[in-house]
N, C-alpha and C. Protein backbone atom coordinates (compact mmCIF):
# COMPACT_ATOMS: atom_id res chain seq x y z
N LYS A 1 0.83 -1.18 0.00
CA LYS A 1 0.00 0.00 0.00
C LYS A 1 0.88 1.24 0.00
N ALA A 2 0.49 2.19 -0.80
CA ALA A 2 1.21 3.46 -0.85
C ALA A 2 0.50 4.44 0.07
N VAL A 3 1.27 5.24 0.77
CA VAL A 3 0.71 6.25 1.65
C VAL A 3 0.99 7.60 1.03
N ILE A 4 -0.04 8.39 0.89
CA ILE A 4 0.10 9.72 0.31
C ILE A 4 -0.31 10.72 1.37
N SER A 5 0.53 11.69 1.58
CA SER A 5 0.23 12.75 2.55
C SER A 5 0.18 14.08 1.83
N ILE A 6 -0.85 14.83 2.12
CA ILE A 6 -0.96 16.19 1.58
C ILE A 6 -0.69 17.13 2.73
N HIS A 7 0.32 17.95 2.55
CA HIS A 7 0.71 18.86 3.63
C HIS A 7 0.04 20.22 3.50
N LYS A 8 -0.21 20.62 2.27
CA LYS A 8 -0.74 21.95 2.09
C LYS A 8 -1.38 22.08 0.71
N VAL A 9 -2.51 22.75 0.66
CA VAL A 9 -3.13 23.10 -0.61
C VAL A 9 -3.13 24.62 -0.65
N SER A 10 -2.36 25.14 -1.55
CA SER A 10 -2.24 26.59 -1.62
C SER A 10 -3.47 27.25 -2.21
N GLU A 11 -3.92 26.69 -3.34
CA GLU A 11 -5.03 27.32 -4.03
C GLU A 11 -5.69 26.29 -4.92
N VAL A 12 -6.99 26.30 -4.93
CA VAL A 12 -7.74 25.43 -5.83
C VAL A 12 -8.28 26.32 -6.93
N GLN A 13 -7.93 25.97 -8.15
CA GLN A 13 -8.41 26.73 -9.30
C GLN A 13 -9.39 25.89 -10.08
N LEU A 14 -10.58 26.37 -10.20
CA LEU A 14 -11.58 25.71 -11.02
C LEU A 14 -11.47 26.26 -12.44
N PRO A 15 -11.59 25.38 -13.41
CA PRO A 15 -11.50 25.87 -14.78
C PRO A 15 -12.72 26.71 -15.14
N GLU A 16 -12.51 27.61 -16.04
CA GLU A 16 -13.63 28.41 -16.55
C GLU A 16 -14.44 27.52 -17.48
N ILE A 17 -15.75 27.53 -17.29
CA ILE A 17 -16.63 26.71 -18.12
C ILE A 17 -16.89 27.47 -19.42
N THR A 18 -16.19 27.02 -20.44
CA THR A 18 -16.35 27.62 -21.76
C THR A 18 -16.80 26.52 -22.72
N SER A 19 -17.23 26.92 -23.90
CA SER A 19 -17.63 25.95 -24.92
C SER A 19 -16.46 25.03 -25.27
N GLU A 20 -15.26 25.60 -25.33
CA GLU A 20 -14.08 24.79 -25.67
C GLU A 20 -13.79 23.77 -24.57
N PHE A 21 -13.90 24.21 -23.31
CA PHE A 21 -13.67 23.29 -22.18
C PHE A 21 -14.70 22.16 -22.21
N LEU A 22 -15.96 22.48 -22.43
CA LEU A 22 -17.01 21.47 -22.45
C LEU A 22 -16.79 20.47 -23.57
N LYS A 23 -16.36 20.98 -24.73
CA LYS A 23 -16.12 20.09 -25.87
C LYS A 23 -14.93 19.17 -25.59
N SER A 24 -13.85 19.71 -25.06
CA SER A 24 -12.66 18.89 -24.82
C SER A 24 -12.85 17.93 -23.64
N ARG A 25 -13.56 18.36 -22.62
CA ARG A 25 -13.71 17.55 -21.41
C ARG A 25 -14.87 16.58 -21.49
N PHE A 26 -16.00 17.01 -22.06
CA PHE A 26 -17.21 16.20 -22.07
C PHE A 26 -17.69 15.82 -23.46
N GLY A 27 -17.04 16.33 -24.48
CA GLY A 27 -17.42 16.00 -25.84
C GLY A 27 -18.78 16.52 -26.24
N THR A 28 -19.18 17.63 -25.66
CA THR A 28 -20.49 18.19 -25.96
C THR A 28 -20.35 19.53 -26.66
N GLU A 29 -21.31 19.81 -27.49
CA GLU A 29 -21.32 21.07 -28.23
C GLU A 29 -22.17 22.13 -27.52
N LYS A 30 -22.63 21.84 -26.32
CA LYS A 30 -23.51 22.77 -25.62
C LYS A 30 -22.77 24.02 -25.19
N ASP A 31 -23.53 25.10 -25.15
CA ASP A 31 -22.92 26.33 -24.63
C ASP A 31 -22.98 26.25 -23.11
N PRO A 32 -22.15 27.00 -22.41
CA PRO A 32 -22.06 26.92 -20.95
C PRO A 32 -23.40 27.11 -20.23
N ALA A 33 -24.23 28.02 -20.71
CA ALA A 33 -25.52 28.26 -20.06
C ALA A 33 -26.42 27.03 -20.14
N ALA A 34 -26.47 26.40 -21.31
CA ALA A 34 -27.29 25.20 -21.48
C ALA A 34 -26.73 24.05 -20.65
N PHE A 35 -25.41 23.96 -20.57
CA PHE A 35 -24.76 22.92 -19.77
C PHE A 35 -25.11 23.10 -18.30
N ARG A 36 -25.01 24.33 -17.80
CA ARG A 36 -25.37 24.62 -16.40
C ARG A 36 -26.84 24.28 -16.12
N LYS A 37 -27.70 24.63 -17.06
CA LYS A 37 -29.13 24.34 -16.91
C LYS A 37 -29.35 22.83 -16.82
N ASP A 38 -28.69 22.06 -17.68
CA ASP A 38 -28.80 20.60 -17.64
C ASP A 38 -28.33 20.05 -16.30
N ILE A 39 -27.23 20.58 -15.80
CA ILE A 39 -26.70 20.13 -14.51
C ILE A 39 -27.68 20.46 -13.39
N GLU A 40 -28.23 21.67 -13.39
CA GLU A 40 -29.20 22.06 -12.37
C GLU A 40 -30.43 21.16 -12.42
N GLU A 41 -30.91 20.85 -13.63
CA GLU A 41 -32.07 19.97 -13.77
C GLU A 41 -31.75 18.56 -13.27
N MET A 42 -30.55 18.07 -13.57
CA MET A 42 -30.15 16.75 -13.11
C MET A 42 -30.10 16.72 -11.58
N ILE A 43 -29.53 17.74 -10.97
CA ILE A 43 -29.45 17.81 -9.51
C ILE A 43 -30.85 17.88 -8.91
N SER A 44 -31.72 18.63 -9.53
CA SER A 44 -33.10 18.73 -9.06
C SER A 44 -33.80 17.38 -9.14
N ARG A 45 -33.64 16.67 -10.25
CA ARG A 45 -34.24 15.34 -10.39
C ARG A 45 -33.70 14.38 -9.33
N GLN A 46 -32.39 14.47 -9.06
CA GLN A 46 -31.79 13.61 -8.05
C GLN A 46 -32.36 13.91 -6.66
N ARG A 47 -32.53 15.18 -6.35
CA ARG A 47 -33.12 15.56 -5.05
C ARG A 47 -34.54 15.03 -4.92
N ILE A 48 -35.32 15.20 -5.98
CA ILE A 48 -36.70 14.72 -5.98
C ILE A 48 -36.72 13.20 -5.80
N GLN A 49 -35.84 12.50 -6.50
CA GLN A 49 -35.79 11.04 -6.39
C GLN A 49 -35.37 10.60 -4.99
N ARG A 50 -34.38 11.28 -4.41
CA ARG A 50 -33.96 10.95 -3.04
C ARG A 50 -35.10 11.15 -2.05
N GLU A 51 -35.85 12.24 -2.22
CA GLU A 51 -36.98 12.50 -1.33
C GLU A 51 -38.07 11.45 -1.53
N ARG A 52 -38.32 11.08 -2.77
CA ARG A 52 -39.31 10.04 -3.04
C ARG A 52 -38.87 8.72 -2.40
N ASN A 53 -37.60 8.38 -2.54
CA ASN A 53 -37.08 7.15 -1.93
C ASN A 53 -37.23 7.18 -0.42
N ARG A 54 -36.96 8.35 0.17
CA ARG A 54 -37.08 8.50 1.63
C ARG A 54 -38.53 8.30 2.05
N CYS A 55 -39.46 8.90 1.32
CA CYS A 55 -40.89 8.77 1.62
C CYS A 55 -41.36 7.32 1.46
N GLU A 56 -40.91 6.66 0.39
CA GLU A 56 -41.27 5.26 0.18
C GLU A 56 -40.77 4.41 1.33
N GLU A 57 -39.52 4.62 1.72
CA GLU A 57 -38.94 3.83 2.81
C GLU A 57 -39.68 4.09 4.12
N ALA A 58 -40.07 5.33 4.38
CA ALA A 58 -40.84 5.66 5.59
C ALA A 58 -42.19 4.96 5.54
N PHE A 59 -42.83 4.94 4.38
CA PHE A 59 -44.11 4.25 4.22
C PHE A 59 -43.93 2.75 4.46
N PHE A 60 -42.91 2.16 3.85
CA PHE A 60 -42.66 0.73 4.03
C PHE A 60 -42.39 0.41 5.50
N ASP A 61 -41.61 1.26 6.16
CA ASP A 61 -41.34 1.05 7.59
C ASP A 61 -42.63 1.09 8.40
N ALA A 62 -43.52 2.04 8.07
CA ALA A 62 -44.79 2.15 8.78
C ALA A 62 -45.66 0.91 8.56
N VAL A 63 -45.69 0.41 7.32
CA VAL A 63 -46.47 -0.80 7.02
C VAL A 63 -45.87 -1.98 7.77
N ARG A 64 -44.55 -2.12 7.73
CA ARG A 64 -43.89 -3.22 8.41
C ARG A 64 -44.18 -3.18 9.91
N THR A 65 -44.10 -1.99 10.50
CA THR A 65 -44.32 -1.83 11.93
C THR A 65 -45.77 -2.17 12.30
N ALA A 66 -46.71 -1.80 11.44
CA ALA A 66 -48.13 -2.02 11.72
C ALA A 66 -48.56 -3.46 11.45
N THR A 67 -47.74 -4.21 10.75
CA THR A 67 -48.11 -5.57 10.36
C THR A 67 -47.69 -6.56 11.45
N LYS A 68 -48.68 -7.26 11.95
CA LYS A 68 -48.44 -8.31 12.94
C LYS A 68 -48.76 -9.64 12.28
N VAL A 69 -47.74 -10.43 12.06
CA VAL A 69 -47.93 -11.70 11.36
C VAL A 69 -46.96 -12.73 11.96
N GLU A 70 -47.43 -13.96 12.04
CA GLU A 70 -46.59 -15.05 12.49
C GLU A 70 -46.10 -15.78 11.24
N LEU A 71 -44.80 -15.78 11.04
CA LEU A 71 -44.25 -16.38 9.83
C LEU A 71 -43.74 -17.79 10.12
N ALA A 72 -44.13 -18.71 9.27
CA ALA A 72 -43.65 -20.09 9.41
C ALA A 72 -42.15 -20.13 9.11
N PRO A 73 -41.39 -20.90 9.88
CA PRO A 73 -39.94 -21.00 9.63
C PRO A 73 -39.62 -21.43 8.21
N GLU A 74 -40.48 -22.28 7.63
CA GLU A 74 -40.25 -22.74 6.25
C GLU A 74 -40.35 -21.59 5.26
N LEU A 75 -41.27 -20.67 5.52
CA LEU A 75 -41.43 -19.51 4.65
C LEU A 75 -40.20 -18.61 4.72
N ILE A 76 -39.71 -18.42 5.93
CA ILE A 76 -38.49 -17.62 6.12
C ILE A 76 -37.32 -18.30 5.41
N GLN A 77 -37.23 -19.62 5.53
CA GLN A 77 -36.14 -20.36 4.90
C GLN A 77 -36.17 -20.23 3.38
N ILE A 78 -37.35 -20.27 2.78
CA ILE A 78 -37.47 -20.11 1.33
C ILE A 78 -36.98 -18.72 0.93
N GLU A 79 -37.34 -17.70 1.71
CA GLU A 79 -36.90 -16.33 1.40
C GLU A 79 -35.39 -16.21 1.57
N VAL A 80 -34.84 -16.84 2.61
CA VAL A 80 -33.38 -16.83 2.82
C VAL A 80 -32.68 -17.48 1.63
N GLU A 81 -33.22 -18.59 1.16
CA GLU A 81 -32.63 -19.27 0.00
C GLU A 81 -32.63 -18.36 -1.23
N GLU A 82 -33.70 -17.59 -1.41
CA GLU A 82 -33.76 -16.64 -2.52
C GLU A 82 -32.70 -15.56 -2.35
N LEU A 83 -32.55 -15.06 -1.12
CA LEU A 83 -31.52 -14.04 -0.85
C LEU A 83 -30.12 -14.61 -1.10
N MET A 84 -29.90 -15.84 -0.69
CA MET A 84 -28.60 -16.51 -0.90
C MET A 84 -28.33 -16.67 -2.40
N HIS A 85 -29.37 -17.06 -3.12
CA HIS A 85 -29.23 -17.22 -4.58
C HIS A 85 -28.84 -15.88 -5.22
N ASN A 86 -29.52 -14.80 -4.79
CA ASN A 86 -29.22 -13.47 -5.33
C ASN A 86 -27.79 -13.05 -4.99
N LEU A 87 -27.36 -13.31 -3.76
CA LEU A 87 -25.99 -12.98 -3.35
C LEU A 87 -24.99 -13.76 -4.20
N ASP A 88 -25.23 -15.04 -4.35
CA ASP A 88 -24.34 -15.88 -5.15
C ASP A 88 -24.25 -15.38 -6.58
N HIS A 89 -25.39 -15.01 -7.15
CA HIS A 89 -25.43 -14.49 -8.52
C HIS A 89 -24.62 -13.20 -8.65
N ARG A 90 -24.81 -12.27 -7.70
CA ARG A 90 -24.07 -11.00 -7.74
C ARG A 90 -22.57 -11.22 -7.59
N LEU A 91 -22.18 -12.13 -6.71
CA LEU A 91 -20.76 -12.41 -6.52
C LEU A 91 -20.15 -13.03 -7.77
N LYS A 92 -20.88 -13.93 -8.41
CA LYS A 92 -20.39 -14.54 -9.66
C LYS A 92 -20.22 -13.50 -10.75
N GLU A 93 -21.19 -12.56 -10.84
CA GLU A 93 -21.07 -11.49 -11.83
C GLU A 93 -19.83 -10.65 -11.59
N GLN A 94 -19.47 -10.46 -10.32
CA GLN A 94 -18.30 -9.66 -9.97
C GLN A 94 -17.03 -10.51 -9.90
N GLN A 95 -17.18 -11.81 -10.19
CA GLN A 95 -16.07 -12.76 -10.16
C GLN A 95 -15.37 -12.76 -8.80
N ILE A 96 -16.19 -12.83 -7.74
CA ILE A 96 -15.70 -12.87 -6.37
C ILE A 96 -16.19 -14.16 -5.74
N THR A 97 -15.32 -14.86 -5.03
CA THR A 97 -15.74 -16.06 -4.32
C THR A 97 -16.40 -15.67 -3.01
N VAL A 98 -17.20 -16.58 -2.49
CA VAL A 98 -17.87 -16.32 -1.22
C VAL A 98 -16.82 -16.11 -0.13
N GLU A 99 -15.76 -16.91 -0.18
CA GLU A 99 -14.70 -16.79 0.83
C GLU A 99 -14.05 -15.40 0.78
N ASP A 100 -13.76 -14.92 -0.42
CA ASP A 100 -13.17 -13.58 -0.56
C ASP A 100 -14.13 -12.50 -0.09
N TRP A 101 -15.41 -12.67 -0.42
CA TRP A 101 -16.41 -11.71 0.00
C TRP A 101 -16.52 -11.67 1.53
N LEU A 102 -16.52 -12.86 2.14
CA LEU A 102 -16.58 -12.92 3.61
C LEU A 102 -15.37 -12.21 4.23
N LYS A 103 -14.20 -12.43 3.66
CA LYS A 103 -12.99 -11.75 4.17
C LYS A 103 -13.12 -10.24 4.04
N SER A 104 -13.62 -9.79 2.87
CA SER A 104 -13.71 -8.35 2.64
C SER A 104 -14.75 -7.68 3.54
N THR A 105 -15.80 -8.42 3.92
CA THR A 105 -16.83 -7.84 4.79
C THR A 105 -16.50 -8.03 6.27
N GLY A 106 -15.56 -8.94 6.56
CA GLY A 106 -15.19 -9.20 7.95
C GLY A 106 -16.26 -9.98 8.70
N LYS A 107 -17.13 -10.65 7.96
CA LYS A 107 -18.22 -11.41 8.60
C LYS A 107 -17.93 -12.90 8.53
N GLU A 108 -18.56 -13.62 9.44
CA GLU A 108 -18.55 -15.07 9.39
C GLU A 108 -19.86 -15.52 8.75
N TRP A 109 -19.84 -16.74 8.19
CA TRP A 109 -21.00 -17.22 7.46
C TRP A 109 -22.24 -17.23 8.34
N LYS A 110 -22.11 -17.62 9.61
CA LYS A 110 -23.28 -17.67 10.50
C LYS A 110 -23.89 -16.29 10.68
N ASP A 111 -23.05 -15.23 10.67
CA ASP A 111 -23.57 -13.87 10.77
C ASP A 111 -24.33 -13.47 9.51
N VAL A 112 -23.83 -13.90 8.37
CA VAL A 112 -24.50 -13.61 7.10
C VAL A 112 -25.87 -14.29 7.08
N VAL A 113 -25.92 -15.54 7.52
CA VAL A 113 -27.19 -16.27 7.56
C VAL A 113 -28.16 -15.57 8.51
N LYS A 114 -27.69 -15.14 9.68
CA LYS A 114 -28.55 -14.43 10.63
C LYS A 114 -29.06 -13.13 10.02
N ASP A 115 -28.18 -12.38 9.36
CA ASP A 115 -28.60 -11.14 8.69
C ASP A 115 -29.67 -11.42 7.64
N MET A 116 -29.46 -12.49 6.87
CA MET A 116 -30.43 -12.83 5.82
C MET A 116 -31.76 -13.27 6.41
N GLU A 117 -31.73 -13.95 7.54
CA GLU A 117 -32.98 -14.33 8.20
C GLU A 117 -33.73 -13.07 8.65
N ASP A 118 -33.01 -12.10 9.17
CA ASP A 118 -33.64 -10.83 9.58
C ASP A 118 -34.23 -10.11 8.36
N ILE A 119 -33.46 -10.05 7.28
CA ILE A 119 -33.94 -9.40 6.05
C ILE A 119 -35.16 -10.13 5.51
N ALA A 120 -35.09 -11.47 5.50
CA ALA A 120 -36.21 -12.27 5.00
C ALA A 120 -37.47 -12.01 5.82
N THR A 121 -37.33 -11.95 7.13
CA THR A 121 -38.47 -11.69 8.01
C THR A 121 -39.07 -10.31 7.72
N LYS A 122 -38.21 -9.31 7.55
CA LYS A 122 -38.69 -7.96 7.24
C LYS A 122 -39.38 -7.93 5.88
N ARG A 123 -38.79 -8.58 4.88
CA ARG A 123 -39.38 -8.58 3.54
C ARG A 123 -40.74 -9.27 3.54
N LEU A 124 -40.83 -10.40 4.20
CA LEU A 124 -42.10 -11.13 4.22
C LEU A 124 -43.17 -10.35 4.99
N THR A 125 -42.78 -9.77 6.11
CA THR A 125 -43.72 -8.96 6.88
C THR A 125 -44.23 -7.81 6.04
N LEU A 126 -43.32 -7.13 5.34
CA LEU A 126 -43.73 -6.03 4.46
C LEU A 126 -44.66 -6.53 3.37
N ARG A 127 -44.32 -7.64 2.77
CA ARG A 127 -45.14 -8.18 1.68
C ARG A 127 -46.56 -8.48 2.15
N PHE A 128 -46.68 -9.12 3.32
CA PHE A 128 -48.01 -9.42 3.84
C PHE A 128 -48.76 -8.13 4.19
N GLY A 129 -48.06 -7.17 4.76
CA GLY A 129 -48.69 -5.90 5.10
C GLY A 129 -49.15 -5.15 3.87
N LEU A 130 -48.29 -5.10 2.86
CA LEU A 130 -48.66 -4.42 1.61
C LEU A 130 -49.86 -5.09 0.96
N GLU A 131 -49.90 -6.40 0.99
CA GLU A 131 -51.03 -7.12 0.39
C GLU A 131 -52.34 -6.73 1.06
N GLU A 132 -52.31 -6.56 2.36
CA GLU A 132 -53.52 -6.14 3.08
C GLU A 132 -53.92 -4.71 2.70
N VAL A 133 -52.94 -3.83 2.58
CA VAL A 133 -53.23 -2.45 2.18
C VAL A 133 -53.78 -2.43 0.76
N LEU A 134 -53.20 -3.21 -0.14
CA LEU A 134 -53.68 -3.28 -1.52
C LEU A 134 -55.12 -3.79 -1.58
N LYS A 135 -55.42 -4.80 -0.79
CA LYS A 135 -56.80 -5.32 -0.75
C LYS A 135 -57.75 -4.28 -0.20
N ALA A 136 -57.34 -3.63 0.91
CA ALA A 136 -58.21 -2.63 1.55
C ALA A 136 -58.51 -1.47 0.61
N ARG A 137 -57.56 -1.10 -0.21
CA ARG A 137 -57.75 0.02 -1.14
C ARG A 137 -58.24 -0.45 -2.50
N ASN A 138 -58.40 -1.76 -2.65
CA ASN A 138 -58.89 -2.34 -3.90
C ASN A 138 -58.07 -1.89 -5.11
N ILE A 139 -56.77 -1.99 -4.97
CA ILE A 139 -55.86 -1.57 -6.04
C ILE A 139 -55.57 -2.75 -6.95
N THR A 140 -55.85 -2.55 -8.23
CA THR A 140 -55.61 -3.58 -9.24
C THR A 140 -54.79 -2.98 -10.38
N ALA A 141 -54.26 -3.87 -11.20
CA ALA A 141 -53.49 -3.44 -12.36
C ALA A 141 -54.35 -3.58 -13.61
N THR A 142 -54.26 -2.59 -14.49
CA THR A 142 -54.99 -2.66 -15.76
C THR A 142 -54.26 -3.61 -16.71
N ASP A 143 -54.96 -4.04 -17.74
CA ASP A 143 -54.34 -4.93 -18.74
C ASP A 143 -53.13 -4.25 -19.38
N GLU A 144 -53.25 -2.96 -19.68
CA GLU A 144 -52.14 -2.22 -20.31
C GLU A 144 -50.93 -2.15 -19.38
N GLU A 145 -51.17 -1.88 -18.11
CA GLU A 145 -50.07 -1.81 -17.12
C GLU A 145 -49.39 -3.17 -17.00
N LEU A 146 -50.20 -4.23 -16.95
CA LEU A 146 -49.65 -5.58 -16.87
C LEU A 146 -48.81 -5.92 -18.09
N LYS A 147 -49.32 -5.58 -19.26
CA LYS A 147 -48.61 -5.86 -20.50
C LYS A 147 -47.24 -5.19 -20.51
N GLU A 148 -47.23 -3.92 -20.13
CA GLU A 148 -45.98 -3.15 -20.09
C GLU A 148 -44.99 -3.75 -19.10
N SER A 149 -45.48 -4.10 -17.92
CA SER A 149 -44.63 -4.67 -16.89
C SER A 149 -44.13 -6.06 -17.30
N LEU A 150 -44.99 -6.85 -17.94
CA LEU A 150 -44.58 -8.18 -18.40
C LEU A 150 -43.49 -8.10 -19.46
N GLU A 151 -43.60 -7.13 -20.36
CA GLU A 151 -42.57 -6.96 -21.39
C GLU A 151 -41.21 -6.67 -20.74
N ARG A 152 -41.23 -5.79 -19.74
CA ARG A 152 -39.99 -5.45 -19.04
C ARG A 152 -39.42 -6.67 -18.32
N LEU A 153 -40.28 -7.41 -17.63
CA LEU A 153 -39.82 -8.59 -16.89
C LEU A 153 -39.33 -9.70 -17.81
N SER A 154 -39.93 -9.86 -18.97
CA SER A 154 -39.49 -10.92 -19.87
C SER A 154 -38.07 -10.69 -20.35
N HIS A 155 -37.65 -9.42 -20.41
CA HIS A 155 -36.26 -9.11 -20.78
C HIS A 155 -35.33 -9.28 -19.59
N GLU A 156 -35.81 -8.89 -18.41
CA GLU A 156 -34.99 -8.96 -17.20
C GLU A 156 -34.88 -10.38 -16.65
N GLN A 157 -35.94 -11.18 -16.83
CA GLN A 157 -35.97 -12.54 -16.26
C GLN A 157 -36.44 -13.54 -17.31
N PRO A 158 -35.65 -13.74 -18.35
CA PRO A 158 -36.10 -14.63 -19.43
C PRO A 158 -36.28 -16.08 -19.00
N ASP A 159 -35.62 -16.50 -17.92
CA ASP A 159 -35.69 -17.90 -17.49
C ASP A 159 -36.86 -18.20 -16.57
N SER A 160 -37.51 -17.15 -16.04
CA SER A 160 -38.62 -17.41 -15.12
C SER A 160 -39.86 -17.81 -15.90
N SER A 161 -40.75 -18.51 -15.21
CA SER A 161 -41.97 -19.00 -15.87
C SER A 161 -42.91 -17.83 -16.16
N GLU A 162 -43.80 -18.06 -17.12
CA GLU A 162 -44.79 -17.05 -17.49
C GLU A 162 -45.69 -16.74 -16.29
N GLU A 163 -46.06 -17.76 -15.56
CA GLU A 163 -46.91 -17.58 -14.37
C GLU A 163 -46.21 -16.73 -13.32
N SER A 164 -44.94 -17.01 -13.10
CA SER A 164 -44.15 -16.25 -12.12
C SER A 164 -44.02 -14.79 -12.55
N ARG A 165 -43.72 -14.58 -13.83
CA ARG A 165 -43.59 -13.20 -14.33
C ARG A 165 -44.92 -12.45 -14.23
N HIS A 166 -46.02 -13.14 -14.51
CA HIS A 166 -47.33 -12.49 -14.44
C HIS A 166 -47.64 -12.07 -13.01
N ALA A 167 -47.40 -12.95 -12.06
CA ALA A 167 -47.65 -12.61 -10.65
C ALA A 167 -46.77 -11.45 -10.20
N GLN A 168 -45.51 -11.49 -10.60
CA GLN A 168 -44.59 -10.42 -10.23
C GLN A 168 -44.98 -9.09 -10.90
N ALA A 169 -45.37 -9.15 -12.15
CA ALA A 169 -45.77 -7.94 -12.86
C ALA A 169 -47.00 -7.32 -12.22
N SER A 170 -47.96 -8.15 -11.86
CA SER A 170 -49.17 -7.65 -11.21
C SER A 170 -48.82 -7.01 -9.87
N TRP A 171 -47.98 -7.67 -9.10
CA TRP A 171 -47.55 -7.14 -7.80
C TRP A 171 -46.86 -5.79 -7.97
N MET A 172 -45.93 -5.72 -8.89
CA MET A 172 -45.18 -4.48 -9.10
C MET A 172 -46.11 -3.33 -9.50
N CYS A 173 -47.03 -3.60 -10.39
CA CYS A 173 -47.97 -2.56 -10.84
C CYS A 173 -48.83 -2.08 -9.68
N ARG A 174 -49.35 -3.02 -8.90
CA ARG A 174 -50.23 -2.66 -7.79
C ARG A 174 -49.47 -1.86 -6.73
N VAL A 175 -48.26 -2.28 -6.39
CA VAL A 175 -47.47 -1.56 -5.38
C VAL A 175 -47.12 -0.17 -5.90
N GLN A 176 -46.78 -0.07 -7.17
CA GLN A 176 -46.46 1.25 -7.75
C GLN A 176 -47.66 2.19 -7.66
N LYS A 177 -48.85 1.67 -7.98
CA LYS A 177 -50.06 2.48 -7.86
C LYS A 177 -50.31 2.90 -6.42
N LEU A 178 -50.07 1.99 -5.49
CA LEU A 178 -50.24 2.32 -4.07
C LEU A 178 -49.28 3.44 -3.68
N LEU A 179 -48.04 3.31 -4.07
CA LEU A 179 -47.05 4.34 -3.73
C LEU A 179 -47.43 5.69 -4.33
N GLU A 180 -47.90 5.67 -5.55
CA GLU A 180 -48.31 6.93 -6.18
C GLU A 180 -49.49 7.57 -5.46
N SER A 181 -50.38 6.75 -4.90
CA SER A 181 -51.53 7.30 -4.18
C SER A 181 -51.14 7.79 -2.78
N VAL A 182 -50.11 7.20 -2.21
CA VAL A 182 -49.69 7.56 -0.85
C VAL A 182 -48.69 8.70 -0.87
N ILE A 183 -47.79 8.68 -1.85
CA ILE A 183 -46.71 9.68 -1.93
C ILE A 183 -47.06 10.61 -3.09
N ALA A 184 -47.66 11.72 -2.75
CA ALA A 184 -48.08 12.67 -3.80
C ALA A 184 -46.98 13.63 -4.16
């Protein structure tokens, strides 16, 4: 490992945003004013998305907290197996072994399993709670919404069954509609 020490920064000079700078640095023909406007709009969209994510998470937490359900250990185990499968898939995509991943996280396998059991319990509790909210509000997906969602899922999950994709597409559409009605 190399150690780098900075003792002093005398002055930070930011480059002047000119058309030439934008072209050489970003390969764009935009004038500086249009570039600044695009950046401001991007930052605004990011802020809005962060706030939406925060509101969604607060809503999910409230549903999870309000949901009282007794989960069968077998149901939790099935969810843990799905989480393990997803972890294994992500590690393979990154060409990392489980052993290397465990070393990098500083965790032992039993701790990972315990964490996944906790996550599985939270996910299942949320799912059951959301299903009750969806039923209470009578939220359904239209044929057009289902078709659009199914097209997206068929590209993302080509190996899953048609029945599985249909159920997932319906769920996603209904939850999205619920979120739109709750988070204005």
